[in-house]
Amino acid sequence: MSNGEFIMMYFLVVCCLLGLSSAAQINFKPYNETAMSMFLTSDTDHDACFERTELDHVFVVYDTDGSGTVSRHEYTVHITATNPELHDFAHVLYDDYDLDGDHHLEKHDYDAYFAKLDADSDGCVTPDEFVNYWTVIFVANEHLHGHGGGHGK
């Protein structure tokens, strides 16, 4: 599977799980189940360990001009092209990934972002680490994706 196919599959899985439609708001609840589905899709070798190299596969598709960096524009256009409902949330995520705030995602941003995911710094983001991290992101940004439906965090 190519990187582009992987990313499209990733977002299709997430969007199907979220029940995205033309509604103005998105519901990520139950957060833990959405995050676990994201983990399972991101862990491409299915070893229950999301590794730094797997993170590269997630971001390479956003570099549409092949420059080696991902601008906010490239990222947001790519995400919202098939899922306009994700526009506001895409900006929040970009800010979360762009740890130095320079508006360009590069290798050092991916390294720093991976370090945030890898709570125990062992080089392996476990399902628990991944789910805990994403649950916090979903809760903190609940105003962008609605309040109804689903149970649990």
N, C-alpha and C. Protein backbone atom coordinates (compact mmCIF):
# COMPACT_ATOMS: atom_id res chain seq x y z
N MET A 1 0.85 -1.18 0.00
CA MET A 1 0.00 0.00 0.00
C MET A 1 0.89 1.23 0.00
N SER A 2 0.60 2.19 -0.84
CA SER A 2 1.39 3.42 -0.90
C SER A 2 1.05 4.30 0.30
N ASN A 3 1.92 5.28 0.56
CA ASN A 3 1.69 6.22 1.66
C ASN A 3 0.38 6.97 1.46
N GLY A 4 0.11 7.39 0.23
CA GLY A 4 -1.14 8.10 -0.04
C GLY A 4 -2.36 7.25 0.24
N GLU A 5 -2.28 5.98 -0.17
CA GLU A 5 -3.39 5.06 0.09
C GLU A 5 -3.56 4.84 1.59
N PHE A 6 -2.43 4.75 2.30
CA PHE A 6 -2.49 4.57 3.75
C PHE A 6 -3.19 5.75 4.43
N ILE A 7 -2.79 6.96 4.05
CA ILE A 7 -3.39 8.15 4.68
C ILE A 7 -4.87 8.25 4.35
N MET A 8 -5.22 7.98 3.10
CA MET A 8 -6.63 8.05 2.74
C MET A 8 -7.42 7.00 3.50
N MET A 9 -6.87 5.80 3.63
CA MET A 9 -7.53 4.76 4.40
C MET A 9 -7.68 5.19 5.86
N TYR A 10 -6.63 5.79 6.41
CA TYR A 10 -6.64 6.27 7.79
C TYR A 10 -7.81 7.23 8.00
N PHE A 11 -7.94 8.23 7.13
CA PHE A 11 -9.01 9.20 7.30
C PHE A 11 -10.38 8.61 6.98
N LEU A 12 -10.45 7.69 6.04
CA LEU A 12 -11.73 7.04 5.79
C LEU A 12 -12.19 6.24 7.00
N VAL A 13 -11.27 5.52 7.62
CA VAL A 13 -11.60 4.76 8.82
C VAL A 13 -12.07 5.69 9.92
N VAL A 14 -11.29 6.75 10.17
CA VAL A 14 -11.66 7.70 11.22
C VAL A 14 -13.01 8.33 10.91
N CYS A 15 -13.20 8.76 9.67
CA CYS A 15 -14.46 9.42 9.31
C CYS A 15 -15.64 8.47 9.44
N CYS A 16 -15.46 7.23 9.04
CA CYS A 16 -16.54 6.25 9.20
C CYS A 16 -16.85 6.03 10.67
N LEU A 17 -15.81 5.92 11.47
CA LEU A 17 -16.02 5.72 12.90
C LEU A 17 -16.73 6.91 13.54
N LEU A 18 -16.43 8.09 13.03
CA LEU A 18 -17.02 9.30 13.59
C LEU A 18 -18.40 9.58 13.04
N GLY A 19 -18.78 8.87 12.02
CA GLY A 19 -20.08 9.10 11.42
C GLY A 19 -20.17 10.47 10.78
N LEU A 20 -19.11 10.90 10.11
CA LEU A 20 -19.10 12.23 9.52
C LEU A 20 -20.13 12.35 8.43
N SER A 21 -20.74 13.48 8.39
CA SER A 21 -21.71 13.79 7.35
C SER A 21 -21.57 15.25 7.01
N SER A 22 -22.58 15.82 6.43
CA SER A 22 -22.52 17.23 6.09
C SER A 22 -22.82 18.12 7.29
N ALA A 23 -22.97 17.54 8.44
CA ALA A 23 -23.24 18.33 9.65
C ALA A 23 -22.07 19.26 9.93
N ALA A 24 -22.37 20.39 10.56
CA ALA A 24 -21.35 21.38 10.85
C ALA A 24 -20.43 20.94 11.98
N GLN A 25 -20.88 20.05 12.84
CA GLN A 25 -20.06 19.61 13.95
C GLN A 25 -19.81 18.11 13.84
N ILE A 26 -18.68 17.70 14.39
CA ILE A 26 -18.26 16.31 14.36
C ILE A 26 -18.25 15.78 15.78
N ASN A 27 -18.63 14.55 15.94
CA ASN A 27 -18.64 13.94 17.26
C ASN A 27 -17.59 12.83 17.30
N PHE A 28 -16.59 13.00 18.15
CA PHE A 28 -15.52 12.02 18.28
C PHE A 28 -15.80 11.01 19.39
N LYS A 29 -16.95 11.12 20.03
CA LYS A 29 -17.27 10.22 21.14
C LYS A 29 -17.70 8.86 20.64
N PRO A 30 -17.39 7.82 21.33
CA PRO A 30 -16.55 7.78 22.53
C PRO A 30 -15.07 7.96 22.16
N TYR A 31 -14.43 8.89 22.82
CA TYR A 31 -13.07 9.30 22.49
C TYR A 31 -12.08 8.15 22.51
N ASN A 32 -12.18 7.32 23.51
CA ASN A 32 -11.21 6.22 23.62
C ASN A 32 -11.35 5.24 22.45
N GLU A 33 -12.54 5.00 21.99
CA GLU A 33 -12.73 4.09 20.85
C GLU A 33 -12.23 4.71 19.55
N THR A 34 -12.47 5.99 19.37
CA THR A 34 -11.97 6.67 18.18
C THR A 34 -10.45 6.64 18.18
N ALA A 35 -9.85 6.96 19.32
CA ALA A 35 -8.38 6.96 19.42
C ALA A 35 -7.81 5.56 19.19
N MET A 36 -8.46 4.53 19.70
CA MET A 36 -7.96 3.17 19.48
C MET A 36 -8.05 2.79 18.01
N SER A 37 -9.10 3.18 17.34
CA SER A 37 -9.21 2.91 15.90
C SER A 37 -8.12 3.63 15.14
N MET A 38 -7.80 4.86 15.54
CA MET A 38 -6.71 5.60 14.92
C MET A 38 -5.38 4.87 15.15
N PHE A 39 -5.18 4.37 16.37
CA PHE A 39 -3.95 3.63 16.66
C PHE A 39 -3.83 2.40 15.76
N LEU A 40 -4.89 1.64 15.68
CA LEU A 40 -4.85 0.41 14.89
C LEU A 40 -4.55 0.69 13.42
N THR A 41 -5.03 1.81 12.91
CA THR A 41 -4.75 2.18 11.53
C THR A 41 -3.33 2.71 11.37
N SER A 42 -2.83 3.41 12.38
CA SER A 42 -1.49 4.00 12.32
C SER A 42 -0.38 2.98 12.54
N ASP A 43 -0.65 1.94 13.30
CA ASP A 43 0.33 0.89 13.58
C ASP A 43 0.37 -0.06 12.38
N THR A 44 1.06 0.37 11.34
CA THR A 44 0.99 -0.32 10.05
C THR A 44 1.57 -1.73 10.07
N ASP A 45 2.50 -2.00 10.98
CA ASP A 45 3.04 -3.36 11.04
C ASP A 45 2.33 -4.23 12.07
N HIS A 46 1.32 -3.67 12.71
CA HIS A 46 0.43 -4.39 13.63
C HIS A 46 1.19 -5.11 14.76
N ASP A 47 2.20 -4.42 15.31
CA ASP A 47 2.96 -5.00 16.41
C ASP A 47 2.61 -4.37 17.76
N ALA A 48 1.51 -3.63 17.81
CA ALA A 48 1.04 -2.95 19.03
C ALA A 48 2.05 -1.93 19.53
N CYS A 49 2.82 -1.38 18.60
CA CYS A 49 3.81 -0.36 18.93
C CYS A 49 3.84 0.63 17.76
N PHE A 50 3.39 1.85 18.01
CA PHE A 50 3.47 2.89 16.99
C PHE A 50 4.86 3.49 17.10
N GLU A 51 5.64 3.31 16.03
CA GLU A 51 7.04 3.72 16.05
C GLU A 51 7.25 5.00 15.26
N ARG A 52 8.39 5.61 15.50
CA ARG A 52 8.72 6.89 14.87
C ARG A 52 8.64 6.80 13.34
N THR A 53 9.10 5.70 12.76
CA THR A 53 9.05 5.55 11.30
C THR A 53 7.61 5.50 10.79
N GLU A 54 6.71 4.95 11.59
CA GLU A 54 5.30 4.91 11.19
C GLU A 54 4.70 6.31 11.18
N LEU A 55 5.19 7.16 12.05
CA LEU A 55 4.73 8.55 12.06
C LEU A 55 5.10 9.25 10.75
N ASP A 56 6.29 8.97 10.23
CA ASP A 56 6.69 9.56 8.94
C ASP A 56 5.70 9.20 7.84
N HIS A 57 5.21 7.97 7.85
CA HIS A 57 4.25 7.53 6.83
C HIS A 57 2.95 8.32 6.91
N VAL A 58 2.59 8.76 8.10
CA VAL A 58 1.37 9.54 8.27
C VAL A 58 1.52 10.92 7.64
N PHE A 59 2.69 11.54 7.80
CA PHE A 59 2.85 12.93 7.38
C PHE A 59 3.34 13.13 5.95
N VAL A 60 3.96 12.14 5.35
CA VAL A 60 4.55 12.34 4.03
C VAL A 60 3.52 12.74 2.97
N VAL A 61 2.31 12.25 3.09
CA VAL A 61 1.29 12.55 2.08
C VAL A 61 0.88 14.03 2.08
N TYR A 62 1.06 14.72 3.18
CA TYR A 62 0.66 16.13 3.25
C TYR A 62 1.64 17.04 2.53
N ASP A 63 2.85 16.58 2.28
CA ASP A 63 3.86 17.39 1.60
C ASP A 63 3.59 17.38 0.10
N THR A 64 2.55 18.07 -0.30
CA THR A 64 2.07 17.98 -1.68
C THR A 64 3.02 18.62 -2.69
N ASP A 65 3.87 19.55 -2.25
CA ASP A 65 4.81 20.16 -3.20
C ASP A 65 6.18 19.49 -3.17
N GLY A 66 6.34 18.46 -2.33
CA GLY A 66 7.59 17.71 -2.28
C GLY A 66 8.77 18.47 -1.70
N SER A 67 8.52 19.51 -0.94
CA SER A 67 9.59 20.36 -0.41
C SER A 67 10.30 19.77 0.81
N GLY A 68 9.73 18.74 1.40
CA GLY A 68 10.31 18.19 2.62
C GLY A 68 9.71 18.80 3.88
N THR A 69 8.86 19.80 3.72
CA THR A 69 8.15 20.40 4.85
C THR A 69 6.66 20.42 4.51
N VAL A 70 5.85 20.49 5.54
CA VAL A 70 4.40 20.55 5.36
C VAL A 70 3.93 21.89 5.91
N SER A 71 3.43 22.73 5.03
CA SER A 71 2.89 24.02 5.47
C SER A 71 1.48 23.82 6.03
N ARG A 72 1.04 24.79 6.79
CA ARG A 72 -0.34 24.77 7.31
C ARG A 72 -1.32 24.66 6.14
N HIS A 73 -1.05 25.39 5.07
CA HIS A 73 -1.94 25.37 3.91
C HIS A 73 -2.01 23.96 3.31
N GLU A 74 -0.86 23.33 3.08
CA GLU A 74 -0.85 21.98 2.51
C GLU A 74 -1.66 21.02 3.39
N TYR A 75 -1.41 21.08 4.69
CA TYR A 75 -2.07 20.16 5.62
C TYR A 75 -3.58 20.39 5.62
N THR A 76 -3.98 21.63 5.78
CA THR A 76 -5.41 21.94 5.89
C THR A 76 -6.15 21.64 4.59
N VAL A 77 -5.56 22.00 3.46
CA VAL A 77 -6.21 21.71 2.18
C VAL A 77 -6.38 20.21 2.00
N HIS A 78 -5.36 19.45 2.33
CA HIS A 78 -5.43 18.00 2.16
C HIS A 78 -6.53 17.40 3.04
N ILE A 79 -6.57 17.80 4.30
CA ILE A 79 -7.56 17.26 5.24
C ILE A 79 -8.98 17.65 4.84
N THR A 80 -9.17 18.91 4.51
CA THR A 80 -10.53 19.39 4.25
C THR A 80 -11.01 19.09 2.83
N ALA A 81 -10.13 18.64 1.95
CA ALA A 81 -10.56 18.32 0.58
C ALA A 81 -11.64 17.26 0.56
N THR A 82 -11.52 16.26 1.39
CA THR A 82 -12.53 15.21 1.44
C THR A 82 -13.43 15.31 2.67
N ASN A 83 -13.00 16.09 3.66
CA ASN A 83 -13.77 16.21 4.91
C ASN A 83 -13.79 17.66 5.38
N PRO A 84 -14.59 18.51 4.74
CA PRO A 84 -14.62 19.92 5.13
C PRO A 84 -14.98 20.14 6.60
N GLU A 85 -15.68 19.17 7.19
CA GLU A 85 -16.06 19.28 8.60
C GLU A 85 -14.85 19.31 9.52
N LEU A 86 -13.71 18.86 9.02
CA LEU A 86 -12.50 18.80 9.83
C LEU A 86 -11.66 20.08 9.75
N HIS A 87 -12.12 21.10 9.05
CA HIS A 87 -11.33 22.32 8.84
C HIS A 87 -10.81 22.92 10.15
N ASP A 88 -11.69 23.26 11.07
CA ASP A 88 -11.25 23.89 12.33
C ASP A 88 -10.38 22.96 13.15
N PHE A 89 -10.76 21.69 13.20
CA PHE A 89 -9.97 20.73 13.96
C PHE A 89 -8.60 20.52 13.32
N ALA A 90 -8.50 20.59 12.00
CA ALA A 90 -7.22 20.45 11.31
C ALA A 90 -6.24 21.54 11.76
N HIS A 91 -6.74 22.75 11.96
CA HIS A 91 -5.88 23.83 12.44
C HIS A 91 -5.38 23.55 13.86
N VAL A 92 -6.24 23.04 14.69
CA VAL A 92 -5.85 22.68 16.06
C VAL A 92 -4.77 21.61 16.03
N LEU A 93 -4.97 20.59 15.20
CA LEU A 93 -3.99 19.52 15.11
C LEU A 93 -2.66 20.03 14.56
N TYR A 94 -2.72 20.86 13.55
CA TYR A 94 -1.48 21.41 12.99
C TYR A 94 -0.69 22.14 14.07
N ASP A 95 -1.38 22.94 14.86
CA ASP A 95 -0.71 23.66 15.96
C ASP A 95 -0.10 22.69 16.96
N ASP A 96 -0.76 21.57 17.20
CA ASP A 96 -0.25 20.57 18.12
C ASP A 96 1.02 19.91 17.56
N TYR A 97 1.06 19.69 16.26
CA TYR A 97 2.22 19.06 15.62
C TYR A 97 3.38 20.05 15.47
N ASP A 98 3.08 21.31 15.24
CA ASP A 98 4.08 22.35 14.98
C ASP A 98 4.61 22.90 16.30
N LEU A 99 5.42 22.11 16.97
CA LEU A 99 5.84 22.43 18.33
C LEU A 99 6.69 23.69 18.43
N ASP A 100 7.40 24.06 17.38
CA ASP A 100 8.20 25.28 17.44
C ASP A 100 7.44 26.49 16.90
N GLY A 101 6.22 26.27 16.41
CA GLY A 101 5.35 27.36 15.98
C GLY A 101 5.84 28.13 14.76
N ASP A 102 6.67 27.50 13.92
CA ASP A 102 7.18 28.20 12.74
C ASP A 102 6.31 28.02 11.50
N HIS A 103 5.20 27.34 11.63
CA HIS A 103 4.24 27.11 10.55
C HIS A 103 4.77 26.23 9.42
N HIS A 104 5.75 25.41 9.75
CA HIS A 104 6.28 24.41 8.82
C HIS A 104 6.56 23.14 9.61
N LEU A 105 5.99 22.04 9.17
CA LEU A 105 6.26 20.76 9.82
C LEU A 105 7.45 20.12 9.14
N GLU A 106 8.45 19.81 9.96
CA GLU A 106 9.69 19.21 9.48
C GLU A 106 10.09 18.09 10.43
N LYS A 107 11.18 17.41 10.12
CA LYS A 107 11.62 16.26 10.90
C LYS A 107 11.69 16.56 12.39
N HIS A 108 12.22 17.71 12.78
CA HIS A 108 12.34 18.01 14.20
C HIS A 108 10.96 18.15 14.86
N ASP A 109 9.96 18.60 14.10
CA ASP A 109 8.60 18.67 14.65
C ASP A 109 8.05 17.26 14.87
N TYR A 110 8.32 16.36 13.92
CA TYR A 110 7.84 14.99 14.06
C TYR A 110 8.53 14.30 15.23
N ASP A 111 9.83 14.56 15.39
CA ASP A 111 10.56 13.99 16.53
C ASP A 111 9.96 14.47 17.85
N ALA A 112 9.71 15.77 17.94
CA ALA A 112 9.16 16.34 19.18
C ALA A 112 7.73 15.86 19.42
N TYR A 113 6.95 15.77 18.35
CA TYR A 113 5.58 15.28 18.49
C TYR A 113 5.58 13.82 18.94
N PHE A 114 6.45 13.01 18.35
CA PHE A 114 6.54 11.61 18.76
C PHE A 114 6.91 11.51 20.23
N ALA A 115 7.82 12.37 20.69
CA ALA A 115 8.21 12.37 22.10
C ALA A 115 7.02 12.68 23.01
N LYS A 116 6.12 13.54 22.55
CA LYS A 116 4.90 13.82 23.33
C LYS A 116 4.01 12.58 23.42
N LEU A 117 3.90 11.86 22.32
CA LEU A 117 3.08 10.65 22.31
C LEU A 117 3.68 9.54 23.17
N ASP A 118 5.00 9.42 23.14
CA ASP A 118 5.73 8.35 23.81
C ASP A 118 6.00 8.75 25.26
N ALA A 119 4.99 8.62 26.10
CA ALA A 119 5.04 9.12 27.48
C ALA A 119 6.20 8.56 28.29
N ASP A 120 6.58 7.32 28.06
CA ASP A 120 7.68 6.74 28.84
C ASP A 120 9.01 6.76 28.10
N SER A 121 9.05 7.40 26.94
CA SER A 121 10.27 7.60 26.16
C SER A 121 11.03 6.32 25.83
N ASP A 122 10.30 5.26 25.56
CA ASP A 122 10.97 3.99 25.25
C ASP A 122 11.04 3.71 23.74
N GLY A 123 10.60 4.68 22.92
CA GLY A 123 10.65 4.50 21.47
C GLY A 123 9.46 3.77 20.89
N CYS A 124 8.50 3.44 21.74
CA CYS A 124 7.31 2.71 21.33
C CYS A 124 6.09 3.38 21.95
N VAL A 125 5.21 3.89 21.11
CA VAL A 125 3.95 4.43 21.61
C VAL A 125 2.98 3.27 21.69
N THR A 126 2.62 2.92 22.90
CA THR A 126 1.70 1.81 23.14
C THR A 126 0.27 2.26 22.87
N PRO A 127 -0.64 1.30 22.75
CA PRO A 127 -2.04 1.69 22.58
C PRO A 127 -2.52 2.60 23.72
N ASP A 128 -2.13 2.30 24.95
CA ASP A 128 -2.55 3.14 26.08
C ASP A 128 -2.02 4.56 25.96
N GLU A 129 -0.74 4.71 25.59
CA GLU A 129 -0.17 6.05 25.44
C GLU A 129 -0.89 6.81 24.33
N PHE A 130 -1.13 6.15 23.23
CA PHE A 130 -1.79 6.77 22.08
C PHE A 130 -3.22 7.19 22.44
N VAL A 131 -3.96 6.28 23.04
CA VAL A 131 -5.35 6.57 23.41
C VAL A 131 -5.41 7.68 24.44
N ASN A 132 -4.55 7.65 25.44
CA ASN A 132 -4.54 8.71 26.46
C ASN A 132 -4.26 10.07 25.83
N TYR A 133 -3.27 10.13 24.96
CA TYR A 133 -2.92 11.39 24.32
C TYR A 133 -4.09 11.93 23.50
N TRP A 134 -4.66 11.10 22.62
CA TRP A 134 -5.72 11.56 21.75
C TRP A 134 -7.01 11.86 22.50
N THR A 135 -7.27 11.15 23.58
CA THR A 135 -8.46 11.45 24.38
C THR A 135 -8.36 12.86 24.95
N VAL A 136 -7.19 13.24 25.41
CA VAL A 136 -6.98 14.60 25.92
C VAL A 136 -7.22 15.63 24.81
N ILE A 137 -6.71 15.36 23.62
CA ILE A 137 -6.91 16.27 22.48
C ILE A 137 -8.40 16.41 22.17
N PHE A 138 -9.12 15.30 22.10
CA PHE A 138 -10.54 15.35 21.80
C PHE A 138 -11.32 16.11 22.87
N VAL A 139 -11.02 15.85 24.14
CA VAL A 139 -11.73 16.54 25.23
C VAL A 139 -11.44 18.04 25.19
N ALA A 140 -10.17 18.39 25.01
CA ALA A 140 -9.79 19.81 25.01
C ALA A 140 -10.42 20.58 23.86
N ASN A 141 -10.80 19.89 22.80
CA ASN A 141 -11.35 20.55 21.62
C ASN A 141 -12.77 20.12 21.32
N GLU A 142 -13.47 19.72 22.33
CA GLU A 142 -14.84 19.24 22.18
C GLU A 142 -15.74 20.29 21.52
N HIS A 143 -15.45 21.55 21.75
CA HIS A 143 -16.27 22.62 21.16
C HIS A 143 -16.23 22.61 19.63
N LEU A 144 -15.24 21.92 19.05
CA LEU A 144 -15.13 21.86 17.59
C LEU A 144 -15.86 20.68 16.99
N HIS A 145 -16.29 19.76 17.83
CA HIS A 145 -16.91 18.56 17.26
C HIS A 145 -18.18 18.13 17.95
N GLY A 146 -18.82 19.01 18.64
CA GLY A 146 -20.14 18.71 19.18
C GLY A 146 -20.11 18.06 20.54
N HIS A 147 -21.29 17.86 21.07
CA HIS A 147 -21.42 17.37 22.43
C HIS A 147 -22.33 16.16 22.56
N GLY A 148 -22.96 15.78 21.49
CA GLY A 148 -23.94 14.70 21.61
C GLY A 148 -23.37 13.36 21.20
N GLY A 149 -24.19 12.34 21.43
CA GLY A 149 -23.88 10.99 20.95
C GLY A 149 -22.77 10.30 21.68
N GLY A 150 -22.81 9.00 21.68
CA GLY A 150 -21.74 8.20 22.28
C GLY A 150 -21.68 8.29 23.78
N HIS A 151 -20.90 7.39 24.34
CA HIS A 151 -20.71 7.39 25.78
C HIS A 151 -19.23 7.34 26.05
N GLY A 152 -18.85 7.83 27.20
CA GLY A 152 -17.48 7.71 27.64
C GLY A 152 -16.60 8.79 27.08
N LYS A 153 -15.39 8.76 27.59
CA LYS A 153 -14.39 9.74 27.18
C LYS A 153 -13.65 9.28 25.97
